[in-house]
C-alpha atoms as a PDB file:
ATOM      1  CA  MET A   1       0.050  -0.141   0.310  1.00  0.00           C
ATOM      2  CA  GLN A   2       1.260   3.625  -0.827  1.00  0.00           C
ATOM      3  CA  SER A   3       1.647   6.429   1.970  1.00  0.00           C
ATOM      4  CA  VAL A   4      -0.560   9.049   2.308  1.00  0.00           C
ATOM      5  CA  ARG A   5       1.413  10.731   4.595  1.00  0.00           C
ATOM      6  CA  ASN A   6       2.074  13.397   1.761  1.00  0.00           C
ATOM      7  CA  ILE A   7      -1.909  14.062   0.965  1.00  0.00           C
ATOM      8  CA  LYS A   8      -2.036  17.947   1.288  1.00  0.00           C
ATOM      9  CA  THR A   9      -4.938  18.631   4.572  1.00  0.00           C
ATOM     10  CA  ILE A  10      -7.509  20.999   4.432  1.00  0.00           C
ATOM     11  CA  TYR A  11      -8.501  22.728   7.389  1.00  0.00           C
ATOM     12  CA  ILE A  12     -11.914  24.390   7.304  1.00  0.00           C
ATOM     13  CA  LEU A  13     -15.028  25.783   8.993  1.00  0.00           C
ATOM     14  CA  PRO A  14     -18.760  25.154   9.452  1.00  0.00           C
ATOM     15  CA  ARG A  15     -20.755  26.922   7.197  1.00  0.00           C
ATOM     16  CA  GLU A  16     -21.748  30.416   8.275  1.00  0.00           C
ATOM     17  CA  ASP A  17     -25.541  30.224   7.308  1.00  0.00           C
ATOM     18  CA  TYR A  18     -25.176  26.338   9.179  1.00  0.00           C
ATOM     19  CA  VAL A  19     -28.250  25.197  10.872  1.00  0.00           C
ATOM     20  CA  GLU A  20     -28.518  21.920  12.676  1.00  0.00           C
ATOM     21  CA  LYS A  21     -31.326  19.985  11.728  1.00  0.00           C
ATOM     22  CA  ALA A  22     -32.620  22.607   9.150  1.00  0.00           C
ATOM     23  CA  LEU A  23     -32.044  20.309   6.119  1.00  0.00           C
ATOM     24  CA  LEU A  24     -32.796  17.023   7.169  1.00  0.00           C
ATOM     25  CA  LYS A  25     -34.173  14.742   4.454  1.00  0.00           C
ATOM     26  CA  THR A  26     -33.932  17.966   1.512  1.00  0.00           C
ATOM     27  CA  TRP A  27     -32.531  16.695  -2.105  1.00  0.00           C
ATOM     28  CA  LEU A  28     -29.070  18.114  -3.092  1.00  0.00           C
ATOM     29  CA  TYR A  29     -28.916  18.330  -6.704  1.00  0.00           C
ATOM     30  CA  GLU A  30     -26.599  19.322  -9.157  1.00  0.00           C
ATOM     31  CA  SER A  31     -27.477  20.663 -12.531  1.00  0.00           C
ATOM     32  CA  THR A  32     -32.025  20.822 -13.114  1.00  0.00           C
ATOM     33  CA  ASN A  33     -33.910  20.009 -10.311  1.00  0.00           C
ATOM     34  CA  PRO A  34     -35.278  16.761 -11.578  1.00  0.00           C
ATOM     35  CA  PHE A  35     -37.819  16.297  -8.237  1.00  0.00           C
ATOM     36  CA  PRO A  36     -41.363  17.267  -8.041  1.00  0.00           C
ATOM     37  CA  SER A  37     -42.253  20.414  -6.656  1.00  0.00           C
ATOM     38  CA  LYS A  38     -43.517  18.893  -3.277  1.00  0.00           C
ATOM     39  CA  VAL A  39     -40.216  16.993  -2.068  1.00  0.00           C
ATOM     40  CA  LYS A  40     -37.490  19.368  -0.205  1.00  0.00           C
ATOM     41  CA  ALA A  41     -34.937  20.035  -2.758  1.00  0.00           C
ATOM     42  CA  ILE A  42     -31.670  22.658  -3.333  1.00  0.00           C
ATOM     43  CA  ASP A  43     -28.985  23.731  -5.496  1.00  0.00           C
ATOM     44  CA  ALA A  44     -25.939  21.890  -3.973  1.00  0.00           C
ATOM     45  CA  SER A  45     -24.250  24.846  -4.838  1.00  0.00           C
ATOM     46  CA  SER A  46     -26.287  26.871  -2.392  1.00  0.00           C
ATOM     47  CA  ILE A  47     -24.142  25.670   0.382  1.00  0.00           C
ATOM     48  CA  ILE A  48     -20.971  23.675  -0.805  1.00  0.00           C
ATOM     49  CA  LYS A  49     -17.844  25.898  -0.112  1.00  0.00           C
ATOM     50  CA  LEU A  50     -15.250  22.803  -0.683  1.00  0.00           C
ATOM     51  CA  VAL A  51     -15.304  21.141  -3.634  1.00  0.00           C
ATOM     52  CA  ILE A  52     -12.735  17.750  -4.378  1.00  0.00           C
ATOM     53  CA  GLN A  53     -12.288  17.025  -7.819  1.00  0.00           C
ATOM     54  CA  HIS A  54     -12.264  14.047  -8.603  1.00  0.00           C
ATOM     55  CA  ASN A  55      -8.184  13.772  -9.420  1.00  0.00           C
ATOM     56  CA  GLU A  56      -7.670  14.884  -5.864  1.00  0.00           C
ATOM     57  CA  GLU A  57      -6.443  13.444  -2.854  1.00  0.00           C
ATOM     58  CA  ALA A  58      -6.811  15.181   0.734  1.00  0.00           C
ATOM     59  CA  ILE A  59      -7.027  15.393   4.591  1.00  0.00           C
ATOM     60  CA  ILE A  60      -9.853  17.861   5.815  1.00  0.00           C
ATOM     61  CA  ARG A  61      -9.816  19.004   9.466  1.00  0.00           C
ATOM     62  CA  GLU A  62     -11.575  21.120  11.471  1.00  0.00           C
ATOM     63  CA  GLN A  63      -9.850  24.723  12.010  1.00  0.00           C
ATOM     64  CA  ASN A  64      -9.765  25.611  15.168  1.00  0.00           C
ATOM     65  CA  THR A  65      -9.537  21.429  16.396  1.00  0.00           C
ATOM     66  CA  GLY A  66      -7.781  19.782  14.610  1.00  0.00           C
ATOM     67  CA  ARG A  67     -11.006  16.930  14.229  1.00  0.00           C
ATOM     68  CA  LEU A  68     -10.201  14.657  11.827  1.00  0.00           C
ATOM     69  CA  LEU A  69     -13.284  14.883   9.039  1.00  0.00           C
ATOM     70  CA  MET A  70     -12.487  13.596   5.894  1.00  0.00           C
ATOM     71  CA  VAL A  71      -9.621  11.897   4.699  1.00  0.00           C
ATOM     72  CA  ILE A  72     -10.094  11.274   0.443  1.00  0.00           C
ATOM     73  CA  LEU A  73      -7.328   9.216  -1.806  1.00  0.00           C
ATOM     74  CA  ARG A  74      -7.343   8.090  -5.180  1.00  0.00           C
ATOM     75  CA  ASP A  75      -6.338   4.641  -7.121  1.00  0.00           C
ATOM     76  CA  ARG A  76      -5.125   2.990  -3.863  1.00  0.00           C
ATOM     77  CA  ILE A  77      -7.358   0.105  -4.599  1.00  0.00           C
ATOM     78  CA  GLY A  78      -5.937  -2.891  -6.298  1.00  0.00           C
ATOM     79  CA  ALA A  79      -7.420  -3.933 -10.025  1.00  0.00           C
ATOM     80  CA  ASP A  80      -7.841  -7.145  -8.645  1.00  0.00           C
ATOM     81  CA  ALA A  81      -9.410  -6.101  -5.804  1.00  0.00           C
ATOM     82  CA  LEU A  82     -11.524  -3.389  -7.749  1.00  0.00           C
ATOM     83  CA  GLU A  83     -12.674  -6.364  -9.832  1.00  0.00           C
ATOM     84  CA  HIS A  84     -13.210  -8.612  -7.694  1.00  0.00           C
ATOM     85  CA  PHE A  85     -15.739  -5.730  -5.333  1.00  0.00           C
ATOM     86  CA  ASN A  86     -17.719  -5.227  -9.246  1.00  0.00           C
ATOM     87  CA  ILE A  87     -18.243  -9.663  -9.177  1.00  0.00           C
ATOM     88  CA  THR A  88     -19.205  -9.620  -5.755  1.00  0.00           C
ATOM     89  CA  ILE A  89     -21.882  -6.835  -5.875  1.00  0.00           C
ATOM     90  CA  ASN A  90     -23.493  -7.981  -8.614  1.00  0.00           C
ATOM     91  CA  ASP A  91     -23.866 -11.401  -7.618  1.00  0.00           C
ATOM     92  CA  MET A  92     -25.564  -9.756  -4.794  1.00  0.00           C
ATOM     93  CA  PHE A  93     -28.424  -8.335  -6.704  1.00  0.00           C
ATOM     94  CA  ASN A  94     -28.621 -11.682  -8.465  1.00  0.00           C
ATOM     95  CA  TYR A  95     -28.800 -13.663  -5.326  1.00  0.00           C
ATOM     96  CA  ARG A  96     -30.924 -11.471  -2.880  1.00  0.00           C
ATOM     97  CA  ARG A  97     -34.228  -9.334  -2.696  1.00  0.00           C
ATOM     98  CA  PRO A  98     -34.269  -5.841  -2.156  1.00  0.00           C
ATOM     99  CA  VAL A  99     -34.637  -4.017   0.722  1.00  0.00           C
ATOM    100  CA  ALA A 100     -36.999  -1.183   0.740  1.00  0.00           C
ATOM    101  CA  ARG A 101     -36.096   2.440   0.140  1.00  0.00           C
ATOM    102  CA  GLN A 102     -39.408   3.830  -0.332  1.00  0.00           C
ATOM    103  CA  GLU A 103     -37.729   8.150   0.024  1.00  0.00           C
ATOM    104  CA  THR A 104     -35.161   7.104  -2.718  1.00  0.00           C
ATOM    105  CA  GLU A 105     -37.176   4.564  -4.562  1.00  0.00           C
ATOM    106  CA  SER A 106     -40.305   6.526  -5.699  1.00  0.00           C
ATOM    107  CA  LEU A 107     -37.655   9.396  -6.985  1.00  0.00           C
ATOM    108  CA  ASN A 108     -35.924   6.780  -9.141  1.00  0.00           C
ATOM    109  CA  GLN A 109     -32.728   7.418  -6.931  1.00  0.00           C
ATOM    110  CA  GLY A 110     -31.739   3.653  -5.876  1.00  0.00           C
ATOM    111  CA  HIS A 111     -32.221   0.076  -4.114  1.00  0.00           C
ATOM    112  CA  LEU A 112     -29.988  -2.044  -1.466  1.00  0.00           C
ATOM    113  CA  THR A 113     -29.361  -5.386  -0.571  1.00  0.00           C
ATOM    114  CA  ALA A 114     -27.780  -6.804   1.895  1.00  0.00           C
ATOM    115  CA  ALA A 115     -25.831  -9.794   3.629  1.00  0.00           C
ATOM    116  CA  GLY A 116     -24.429 -11.050   6.593  1.00  0.00           C
ATOM    117  CA  TYR A 117     -26.118 -10.634  10.302  1.00  0.00           C
ATOM    118  CA  LEU A 118     -28.426  -6.971  11.348  1.00  0.00           C
ATOM    119  CA  ALA A 119     -30.122  -5.871  14.416  1.00  0.00           C
ATOM    120  CA  THR A 120     -33.806  -6.078  13.861  1.00  0.00           C
ATOM    121  CA  ARG A 121     -36.259  -3.070  15.248  1.00  0.00           C
ATOM    122  CA  GLN A 122     -39.068  -5.136  16.256  1.00  0.00           C
ATOM    123  CA  CYS A 123     -36.860  -6.595  18.731  1.00  0.00           C
ATOM    124  CA  GLY A 124     -33.249  -6.634  19.569  1.00  0.00           C
ATOM    125  CA  ILE A 125     -31.874  -9.230  18.597  1.00  0.00           C
ATOM    126  CA  PHE A 126     -29.013 -10.320  16.324  1.00  0.00           C
ATOM    127  CA  THR A 127     -31.375 -11.694  13.202  1.00  0.00           C
ATOM    128  CA  HIS A 128     -29.642 -13.370   9.436  1.00  0.00           C
ATOM    129  CA  VAL A 129     -30.841 -10.956   7.048  1.00  0.00           C
ATOM    130  CA  LEU A 130     -33.290 -13.720   5.036  1.00  0.00           C
ATOM    131  CA  ASN A 131     -33.209 -12.648   1.808  1.00  0.00           C
ATOM    132  CA  LEU A 132     -31.456 -14.772   0.020  1.00  0.00           C
ATOM    133  CA  LYS A 133     -33.352 -16.291  -3.272  1.00  0.00           C
ATOM    134  CA  ASN A 134     -35.787 -19.231  -2.445  1.00  0.00           C
ATOM    135  CA  LYS A 135     -33.999 -21.122  -5.117  1.00  0.00           C
ATOM    136  CA  PHE A 136     -30.655 -20.327  -3.856  1.00  0.00           C
ATOM    137  CA  ARG A 137     -30.658 -21.156  -0.870  1.00  0.00           C
ATOM    138  CA  GLY A 138     -29.186 -24.506   0.904  1.00  0.00           C
ATOM    139  CA  SER A 139     -26.871 -25.025  -2.889  1.00  0.00           C
ATOM    140  CA  ASN A 140     -23.360 -24.623  -3.890  1.00  0.00           C
ATOM    141  CA  LEU A 141     -23.929 -21.409  -5.010  1.00  0.00           C
ATOM    142  CA  GLN A 142     -25.037 -19.701  -2.242  1.00  0.00           C
ATOM    143  CA  TYR A 143     -21.799 -20.791  -0.488  1.00  0.00           C
ATOM    144  CA  GLU A 144     -19.563 -19.918  -2.975  1.00  0.00           C
ATOM    145  CA  HIS A 145     -21.092 -16.237  -2.848  1.00  0.00           C
ATOM    146  CA  GLU A 146     -20.953 -16.118   0.555  1.00  0.00           C
ATOM    147  CA  THR A 147     -16.996 -16.483   0.598  1.00  0.00           C
ATOM    148  CA  LYS A 148     -17.083 -13.988  -2.465  1.00  0.00           C
ATOM    149  CA  VAL A 149     -18.827 -11.638   0.183  1.00  0.00           C
ATOM    150  CA  VAL A 150     -16.234 -12.613   3.206  1.00  0.00           C
ATOM    151  CA  ALA A 151     -13.318 -11.793   1.081  1.00  0.00           C
ATOM    152  CA  ALA A 152     -14.158  -8.905  -0.475  1.00  0.00           C
ATOM    153  CA  ASN A 153     -15.773  -7.296   3.102  1.00  0.00           C
ATOM    154  CA  ALA A 154     -11.882  -8.244   4.244  1.00  0.00           C
ATOM    155  CA  LEU A 155     -10.073  -6.868   1.589  1.00  0.00           C
ATOM    156  CA  LEU A 156     -12.050  -3.555   2.047  1.00  0.00           C
ATOM    157  CA  PHE A 157     -11.469  -3.329   5.858  1.00  0.00           C
ATOM    158  CA  ASN A 158      -7.731  -4.176   5.599  1.00  0.00           C
ATOM    159  CA  TYR A 159      -7.184  -1.555   3.068  1.00  0.00           C
ATOM    160  CA  ALA A 160      -8.626   0.987   5.482  1.00  0.00           C
ATOM    161  CA  MET A 161      -6.820  -0.237   8.211  1.00  0.00           C
ATOM    162  CA  GLY A 162      -3.807  -0.252   6.486  1.00  0.00           C
ATOM    163  CA  LEU A 163      -4.803   3.356   5.255  1.00  0.00           C
ATOM    164  CA  PHE A 164      -6.388   5.799   7.115  1.00  0.00           C
ATOM    165  CA  PRO A 165      -4.705   7.830   9.782  1.00  0.00           C
ATOM    166  CA  VAL A 166      -4.933   6.553  13.248  1.00  0.00           C
ATOM    167  CA  GLU A 167      -7.925   8.304  14.237  1.00  0.00           C
ATOM    168  CA  VAL A 168      -9.389   6.151  12.480  1.00  0.00           C
ATOM    169  CA  THR A 169      -8.398   3.027  12.633  1.00  0.00           C
ATOM    170  CA  SER A 170      -8.014   2.922  16.644  1.00  0.00           C
ATOM    171  CA  ASN A 171     -11.535   4.128  16.914  1.00  0.00           C
ATOM    172  CA  ILE A 172     -12.085   0.798  14.905  1.00  0.00           C
ATOM    173  CA  ASN A 173      -9.929  -1.509  17.031  1.00  0.00           C
ATOM    174  CA  GLN A 174     -11.228  -0.185  20.208  1.00  0.00           C
ATOM    175  CA  VAL A 175     -15.149  -0.428  19.499  1.00  0.00           C
ATOM    176  CA  ILE A 176     -14.181  -4.012  17.882  1.00  0.00           C
ATOM    177  CA  GLU A 177     -12.891  -4.784  21.671  1.00  0.00           C
ATOM    178  CA  ASN A 178     -15.231  -2.976  23.667  1.00  0.00           C
ATOM    179  CA  TYR A 179     -18.358  -4.030  22.218  1.00  0.00           C
ATOM    180  CA  GLN A 180     -16.612  -7.452  21.835  1.00  0.00           C
ATOM    181  CA  LEU A 181     -17.607  -7.821  17.961  1.00  0.00           C
ATOM    182  CA  PRO A 182     -17.002 -11.398  16.261  1.00  0.00           C
ATOM    183  CA  ARG A 183     -14.028 -11.392  14.518  1.00  0.00           C
ATOM    184  CA  LEU A 184     -13.347 -13.561  11.024  1.00  0.00           C
ATOM    185  CA  ASP A 185     -10.571 -16.215  11.969  1.00  0.00           C
ATOM    186  CA  GLY A 186     -10.325 -18.803   8.812  1.00  0.00           C
ATOM    187  CA  TYR A 187     -13.369 -21.021   9.842  1.00  0.00           C
ATOM    188  CA  ASN A 188     -11.510 -21.144  13.963  1.00  0.00           C
ATOM    189  CA  TYR A 189     -13.492 -19.844  17.284  1.00  0.00           C
ATOM    190  CA  GLY A 190     -12.095 -16.722  18.693  1.00  0.00           C
ATOM    191  CA  ALA A 191     -10.169 -14.003  17.337  1.00  0.00           C
ATOM    192  CA  VAL A 192      -6.159 -13.548  16.051  1.00  0.00           C
ATOM    193  CA  GLU A 193      -4.114 -11.191  15.079  1.00  0.00           C
ATOM    194  CA  LYS A 194      -1.783 -12.031  11.945  1.00  0.00           C
ATOM    195  CA  ASP A 195      -2.573 -14.453   9.583  1.00  0.00           C
ATOM    196  CA  PHE A 196      -6.415 -14.450   8.681  1.00  0.00           C
ATOM    197  CA  THR A 197      -7.088 -16.312   5.326  1.00  0.00           C
ATOM    198  CA  VAL A 198     -10.013 -15.504   2.837  1.00  0.00           C
ATOM    199  CA  SER A 199     -10.181 -17.305  -0.459  1.00  0.00           C
ATOM    200  CA  TYR A 200      -9.966 -13.775  -3.018  1.00  0.00           C
ATOM    201  CA  MET A 201     -10.591 -15.204  -6.604  1.00  0.00           C
ATOM    202  CA  GLY A 202      -9.541 -18.815  -6.629  1.00  0.00           C
ATOM    203  CA  LYS A 203      -6.093 -18.059  -4.024  1.00  0.00           C
ATOM    204  CA  ASN A 204      -6.022 -17.912  -0.825  1.00  0.00           C
ATOM    205  CA  ILE A 205      -4.573 -15.116   0.948  1.00  0.00           C
ATOM    206  CA  GLN A 206      -3.576 -13.906   4.228  1.00  0.00           C
ATOM    207  CA  LEU A 207      -4.821 -10.471   5.524  1.00  0.00           C
ATOM    208  CA  SER A 208      -3.578  -8.632   8.416  1.00  0.00           C
ATOM    209  CA  PHE A 209      -6.063  -8.005  10.489  1.00  0.00           C
ATOM    210  CA  PRO A 210      -9.648 -10.339  10.966  1.00  0.00           C
ATOM    211  CA  LEU A 211     -12.489  -8.454  10.032  1.00  0.00           C
ATOM    212  CA  GLY A 212     -14.823  -7.511  12.854  1.00  0.00           C
ATOM    213  CA  LEU A 213     -17.369  -5.906  10.542  1.00  0.00           C
ATOM    214  CA  CYS A 214     -20.702  -8.259  10.020  1.00  0.00           C
ATOM    215  CA  GLN A 215     -23.257  -6.746   7.551  1.00  0.00           C
ATOM    216  CA  ALA A 216     -23.101  -5.783   4.561  1.00  0.00           C
ATOM    217  CA  TYR A 217     -25.328  -3.748   1.670  1.00  0.00           C
ATOM    218  CA  ALA A 218     -24.556  -3.534  -2.046  1.00  0.00           C
ATOM    219  CA  SER A 219     -27.195  -0.269  -3.648  1.00  0.00           C
ATOM    220  CA  LEU A 220     -27.926   0.042  -6.949  1.00  0.00           C
ATOM    221  CA  ASN A 221     -28.469   3.680  -7.547  1.00  0.00           C
ATOM    222  CA  TYR A 222     -28.541   4.786  -5.024  1.00  0.00           C
ATOM    223  CA  ALA A 223     -28.505   8.566  -3.626  1.00  0.00           C
ATOM    224  CA  LYS A 224     -30.034   9.295  -0.596  1.00  0.00           C
ATOM    225  CA  TYR A 225     -30.802  13.256   0.790  1.00  0.00           C
ATOM    226  CA  ASN A 226     -29.000  15.027   3.755  1.00  0.00           C
ATOM    227  CA  HIS A 227     -29.494  12.843   7.015  1.00  0.00           C
ATOM    228  CA  VAL A 228     -26.911  11.384   9.576  1.00  0.00           C
ATOM    229  CA  ASP A 229     -25.972   7.938  11.193  1.00  0.00           C
ATOM    230  CA  TYR A 230     -25.717   7.301  14.775  1.00  0.00           C
ATOM    231  CA  ASN A 231     -23.352   4.913  14.690  1.00  0.00           C
ATOM    232  CA  ILE A 232     -20.252   3.284  17.182  1.00  0.00           C
ATOM    233  CA  LEU A 233     -17.771   3.386  14.946  1.00  0.00           C
ATOM    234  CA  ASP A 234     -16.544   7.064  14.668  1.00  0.00           C
ATOM    235  CA  PHE A 235     -15.914   6.911  10.734  1.00  0.00           C
ATOM    236  CA  ALA A 236     -17.215   5.443   8.316  1.00  0.00           C
ATOM    237  CA  PHE A 237     -15.402   4.599   4.853  1.00  0.00           C
ATOM    238  CA  ALA A 238     -16.105   3.324   1.156  1.00  0.00           C
ATOM    239  CA  CYS A 239     -14.843   2.921  -2.161  1.00  0.00           C
ATOM    240  CA  ILE A 240     -15.811   3.450  -5.139  1.00  0.00           C
ATOM    241  CA  ILE A 241     -15.735   0.147  -6.924  1.00  0.00           C
ATOM    242  CA  LYS A 242     -16.549   2.249 -10.631  1.00  0.00           C
ATOM    243  CA  ARG A 243     -18.209   5.130 -12.160  1.00  0.00           C
ATOM    244  CA  GLY A 244     -18.607   6.474 -15.796  1.00  0.00           C
ATOM    245  CA  ILE A 245     -20.232   5.960 -18.753  1.00  0.00           C
ATOM    246  CA  LYS A 246     -20.407   2.953 -20.758  1.00  0.00           C
ATOM    247  CA  ASN A 247     -18.364   3.854 -24.077  1.00  0.00           C
ATOM    248  CA  ASN A 248     -18.477   1.946 -27.687  1.00  0.00           C
ATOM    249  CA  ASN A 249     -16.520  -1.006 -25.490  1.00  0.00           C
ATOM    250  CA  ASN A 250     -18.705  -1.428 -22.515  1.00  0.00           C
ATOM    251  CA  GLN A 251     -16.519   0.466 -20.735  1.00  0.00           C
ATOM    252  CA  SER A 252     -17.090   3.050 -17.598  1.00  0.00           C
ATOM    253  CA  ILE A 253     -15.129   6.139 -18.021  1.00  0.00           C
ATOM    254  CA  ILE A 254     -14.606   9.132 -17.134  1.00  0.00           C
ATOM    255  CA  GLU A 255     -15.110  12.708 -18.526  1.00  0.00           C
ATOM    256  CA  GLU A 256     -15.936  16.121 -17.814  1.00  0.00           C
ATOM    257  CA  GLY A 257     -19.846  16.750 -17.610  1.00  0.00           C
ATOM    258  CA  ASN A 258     -20.395  12.991 -19.088  1.00  0.00           C
ATOM    259  CA  PHE A 259     -21.439  12.547 -15.034  1.00  0.00           C
ATOM    260  CA  GLU A 260     -24.170  14.641 -13.252  1.00  0.00           C
ATOM    261  CA  GLY A 261     -24.971  14.275  -9.927  1.00  0.00           C
ATOM    262  CA  GLY A 262     -23.731  11.050  -7.455  1.00  0.00           C
ATOM    263  CA  ASN A 263     -21.289  13.664  -5.309  1.00  0.00           C
ATOM    264  CA  PHE A 264     -21.353  12.590  -1.783  1.00  0.00           C
ATOM    265  CA  PHE A 265     -21.986  15.422   0.633  1.00  0.00           C
ATOM    266  CA  LEU A 266     -20.957  16.940   3.858  1.00  0.00           C
ATOM    267  CA  SER A 267     -23.860  19.804   4.257  1.00  0.00           C
ATOM    268  CA  LYS A 268     -22.169  21.636   7.379  1.00  0.00           C
ATOM    269  CA  TRP A 269     -19.022  22.043   6.751  1.00  0.00           C
ATOM    270  CA  GLY A 270     -20.172  22.664   2.980  1.00  0.00           C
ATOM    271  CA  ILE A 271     -17.370  20.390   1.369  1.00  0.00           C
ATOM    272  CA  LYS A 272     -18.855  18.104  -1.724  1.00  0.00           C
ATOM    273  CA  ILE A 273     -16.511  15.011  -2.841  1.00  0.00           C
ATOM    274  CA  GLU A 274     -16.331  14.314  -6.874  1.00  0.00           C
ATOM    275  CA  MET A 275     -17.177   9.891  -7.724  1.00  0.00           C
ATOM    276  CA  ALA A 276     -14.386   8.545  -9.382  1.00  0.00           C
ATOM    277  CA  THR A 277     -13.658   5.297  -9.849  1.00  0.00           C
ATOM    278  CA  ASN A 278     -11.204   4.117  -7.283  1.00  0.00           C
ATOM    279  CA  THR A 279     -12.315   6.194  -4.781  1.00  0.00           C
ATOM    280  CA  PHE A 280     -11.691   6.104  -1.426  1.00  0.00           C
ATOM    281  CA  TRP A 281     -12.193   7.511   1.890  1.00  0.00           C
ATOM    282  CA  CYS A 282     -13.793   7.189   4.800  1.00  0.00           C
ATOM    283  CA  TRP A 283     -16.263  10.098   7.160  1.00  0.00           C
ATOM    284  CA  PRO A 284     -17.685  10.961  10.250  1.00  0.00           C
ATOM    285  CA  GLU A 285     -21.381   9.834  10.156  1.00  0.00           C
ATOM    286  CA  ARG A 286     -22.661  11.552  12.783  1.00  0.00           C
ATOM    287  CA  ASP A 287     -21.973  14.872  10.536  1.00  0.00           C
ATOM    288  CA  GLU A 288     -24.808  15.550   8.044  1.00  0.00           C
ATOM    289  CA  HIS A 289     -24.297  14.054   5.287  1.00  0.00           C
ATOM    290  CA  GLY A 290     -25.935  12.175   1.529  1.00  0.00           C
ATOM    291  CA  THR A 291     -25.486  12.452  -1.512  1.00  0.00           C
ATOM    292  CA  THR A 292     -26.451  14.189  -4.766  1.00  0.00           C
ATOM    293  CA  ASP A 293     -29.370  12.714  -7.132  1.00  0.00           C
ATOM    294  CA  PHE A 294     -28.328  10.811 -10.021  1.00  0.00           C
ATOM    295  CA  TYR A 295     -28.329  11.633 -13.934  1.00  0.00           C
ATOM    296  CA  ALA A 296     -28.300   9.098 -16.129  1.00  0.00           C
ATOM    297  CA  ALA A 297     -25.999   6.155 -14.264  1.00  0.00           C
ATOM    298  CA  THR A 298     -26.644   2.903 -12.447  1.00  0.00           C
ATOM    299  CA  ALA A 299     -24.466   2.225  -8.862  1.00  0.00           C
ATOM    300  CA  LEU A 300     -23.887  -0.247  -6.399  1.00  0.00           C
ATOM    301  CA  LYS A 301     -22.473   0.361  -2.852  1.00  0.00           C
ATOM    302  CA  ILE A 302     -21.840  -2.028  -0.093  1.00  0.00           C
ATOM    303  CA  SER A 303     -22.147  -1.412   3.921  1.00  0.00           C
ATOM    304  CA  ILE A 304     -21.199  -3.487   6.486  1.00  0.00           C
ATOM    305  CA  LYS A 305     -23.130  -2.753  10.118  1.00  0.00           C
ATOM    306  CA  LYS A 306     -24.946  -3.281  12.770  1.00  0.00           C
ATOM    307  CA  ASP A 307     -28.092  -1.606  13.436  1.00  0.00           C
ATOM    308  CA  GLU A 308     -28.959   1.311  16.030  1.00  0.00           C
ATOM    309  CA  ASP A 309     -32.125   2.829  15.443  1.00  0.00           C
ATOM    310  CA  LYS A 310     -34.990   4.549  16.979  1.00  0.00           C
ATOM    311  CA  ASN A 311     -34.354   7.780  14.780  1.00  0.00           C
ATOM    312  CA  GLU A 312     -37.682   8.545  11.719  1.00  0.00           C
ATOM    313  CA  ASP A 313     -33.782   9.185   9.037  1.00  0.00           C
ATOM    314  CA  LYS A 314     -32.729   5.430   9.701  1.00  0.00           C
ATOM    315  CA  ASP A 315     -32.822   2.897   6.872  1.00  0.00           C
ATOM    316  CA  GLU A 316     -35.919   0.458   6.732  1.00  0.00           C
ATOM    317  CA  ASP A 317     -33.337  -3.108   5.990  1.00  0.00           C
ATOM    318  CA  GLU A 318     -36.179  -6.034   6.804  1.00  0.00           C
ATOM    319  CA  ASP A 319     -37.885  -4.784   4.495  1.00  0.00           C
ATOM    320  CA  GLU A 320     -38.418  -6.832   1.247  1.00  0.00           C
ATOM    321  CA  GLU A 321     -38.200  -5.145  -2.175  1.00  0.00           C
ATOM    322  CA  GLU A 322     -39.345  -6.563  -5.710  1.00  0.00           C
ATOM    323  CA  GLU A 323     -36.937  -7.583  -8.327  1.00  0.00           C
ATOM    324  CA  LEU A 324     -35.323  -4.395  -9.936  1.00  0.00           C
ATOM    325  CA  GLU A 325     -34.590  -3.536 -13.446  1.00  0.00           C
ATOM    326  CA  LYS A 326     -30.471  -2.186 -13.836  1.00  0.00           C
ATOM    327  CA  GLU A 327     -30.314   0.657 -16.398  1.00  0.00           C
ATOM    328  CA  GLU A 328     -27.889  -0.128 -19.119  1.00  0.00           C
ATOM    329  CA  ILE A 329     -26.178   3.927 -20.038  1.00  0.00           C
ATOM    330  CA  GLY A 330     -23.712   3.798 -16.956  1.00  0.00           C
ATOM    331  CA  GLU A 331     -22.248   1.938 -13.894  1.00  0.00           C
ATOM    332  CA  PHE A 332     -20.933   3.701 -10.660  1.00  0.00           C
ATOM    333  CA  MET A 333     -20.475   0.944  -7.370  1.00  0.00           C
ATOM    334  CA  GLN A 334     -18.972   1.116  -3.632  1.00  0.00           C
ATOM    335  CA  LEU A 335     -18.226  -0.367  -1.063  1.00  0.00           C
ATOM    336  CA  ARG A 336     -18.749   1.014   2.073  1.00  0.00           C
ATOM    337  CA  PHE A 337     -18.515  -0.057   5.952  1.00  0.00           C
ATOM    338  CA  ASN A 338     -19.817   1.686   8.562  1.00  0.00           C
ATOM    339  CA  GLN A 339     -21.008  -0.064  12.300  1.00  0.00           C
ATOM    340  CA  ARG A 340     -24.197   0.893  14.051  1.00  0.00           C
ATOM    341  CA  LYS A 341     -25.744  -0.948  17.106  1.00  0.00           C
ATOM    342  CA  TRP A 342     -29.174  -1.700  18.523  1.00  0.00           C
ATOM    343  CA  ILE A 343     -30.397   1.171  21.146  1.00  0.00           C
END
C-alpha cells in the first residue's frame, strides 16, 4: 500500500449559515431540479464551499480543533481487488432480494440489498438477513456467493486499516474490543491477530486484520437526501468501485461533464467530493451527509453495519422489495463500511 503521508491537509470551518437539522431530509441536486414540487430539494451549489475534484486527494480537518473530518484517496485499491468487488456486488443483486427504500426508489434514486447479520428493529436482537432468493438457499452457489462477500469485505477492511490515519483505525479497534464484536478468523472460534486467510479469486491470501464487522449492503444507483447516521464507529469508509458512462467497448469512463450528480457531501461543512472509480474515503456519519441525485447511471454499494435505530431517518433494512431492473447507460459502484449498534 502506498503511503498517504504526503497528501495535502485542508482546514475548514462550518458554513456560516449552517443551522443544525434545518436541511434534514432535503435532497441536493447539481443541475436542473429533477424532483416533484412536493419534495424538499435545493441546488447543491447553494451550500457547497469546498469541492474535492475527481482526481484530487485530501485530508480535511476542522480549523479550530484539528478534528479529522474526511480522508479522500484515489487509485489506492488494486485492480484485482476492484474487479472482485465488482463481481461480488453484481452477484448480491442476483442472489438477494432488494431492501425497501421508499424515499429513494419512489424518486428513482436507487435500491439496496443486504448480506450478513443485523439487529432487527422489532426485537433488538441479531438475526441473519433472510433475503436470499429461495432457489439459491442451501446450494453450492449460496456458499460460493457468501465466500465472495466475506473476501470482499475483509479486503476493504484491510485497506482501511492500512491506509487511514490513526484516528480512524484506533477507533475501529476500540469499538471491536469494547463491544466484543465477532471476528472472522479462518473458520476457527476466537480472534487472531495475524495471518487471517480468505479465499480471493481462487486463491487463499493472508490478511493482517481479521474482519470485525458483520453486515454488508449493496446498492444500485443509490442516492439519499441529507441525513445523519448514529453509529458506534466515529467514521464510516467507502470505496467507489466503478463510475462512468459506458463507451462503445462497454467500459465505464470518466469525462468532464458526462456524469451529473451522485457525489458525496457533508452539508454542515459545505464539502462536496466528486466521485470517481477507485475513490476511497472516510467521514463522520454523525455529521449531516448524503449523496446528490443521480443522472443516467447505475450504482452499486456495500456497507457493513449493526443497526441501531429508533430514529426516523434510519434505513428500514428488513423490508423486502420486488425484483429490480438495471439501467444500462452507466455504472457507479461503491463498497462501504460502517458499524451500528442497537439501542
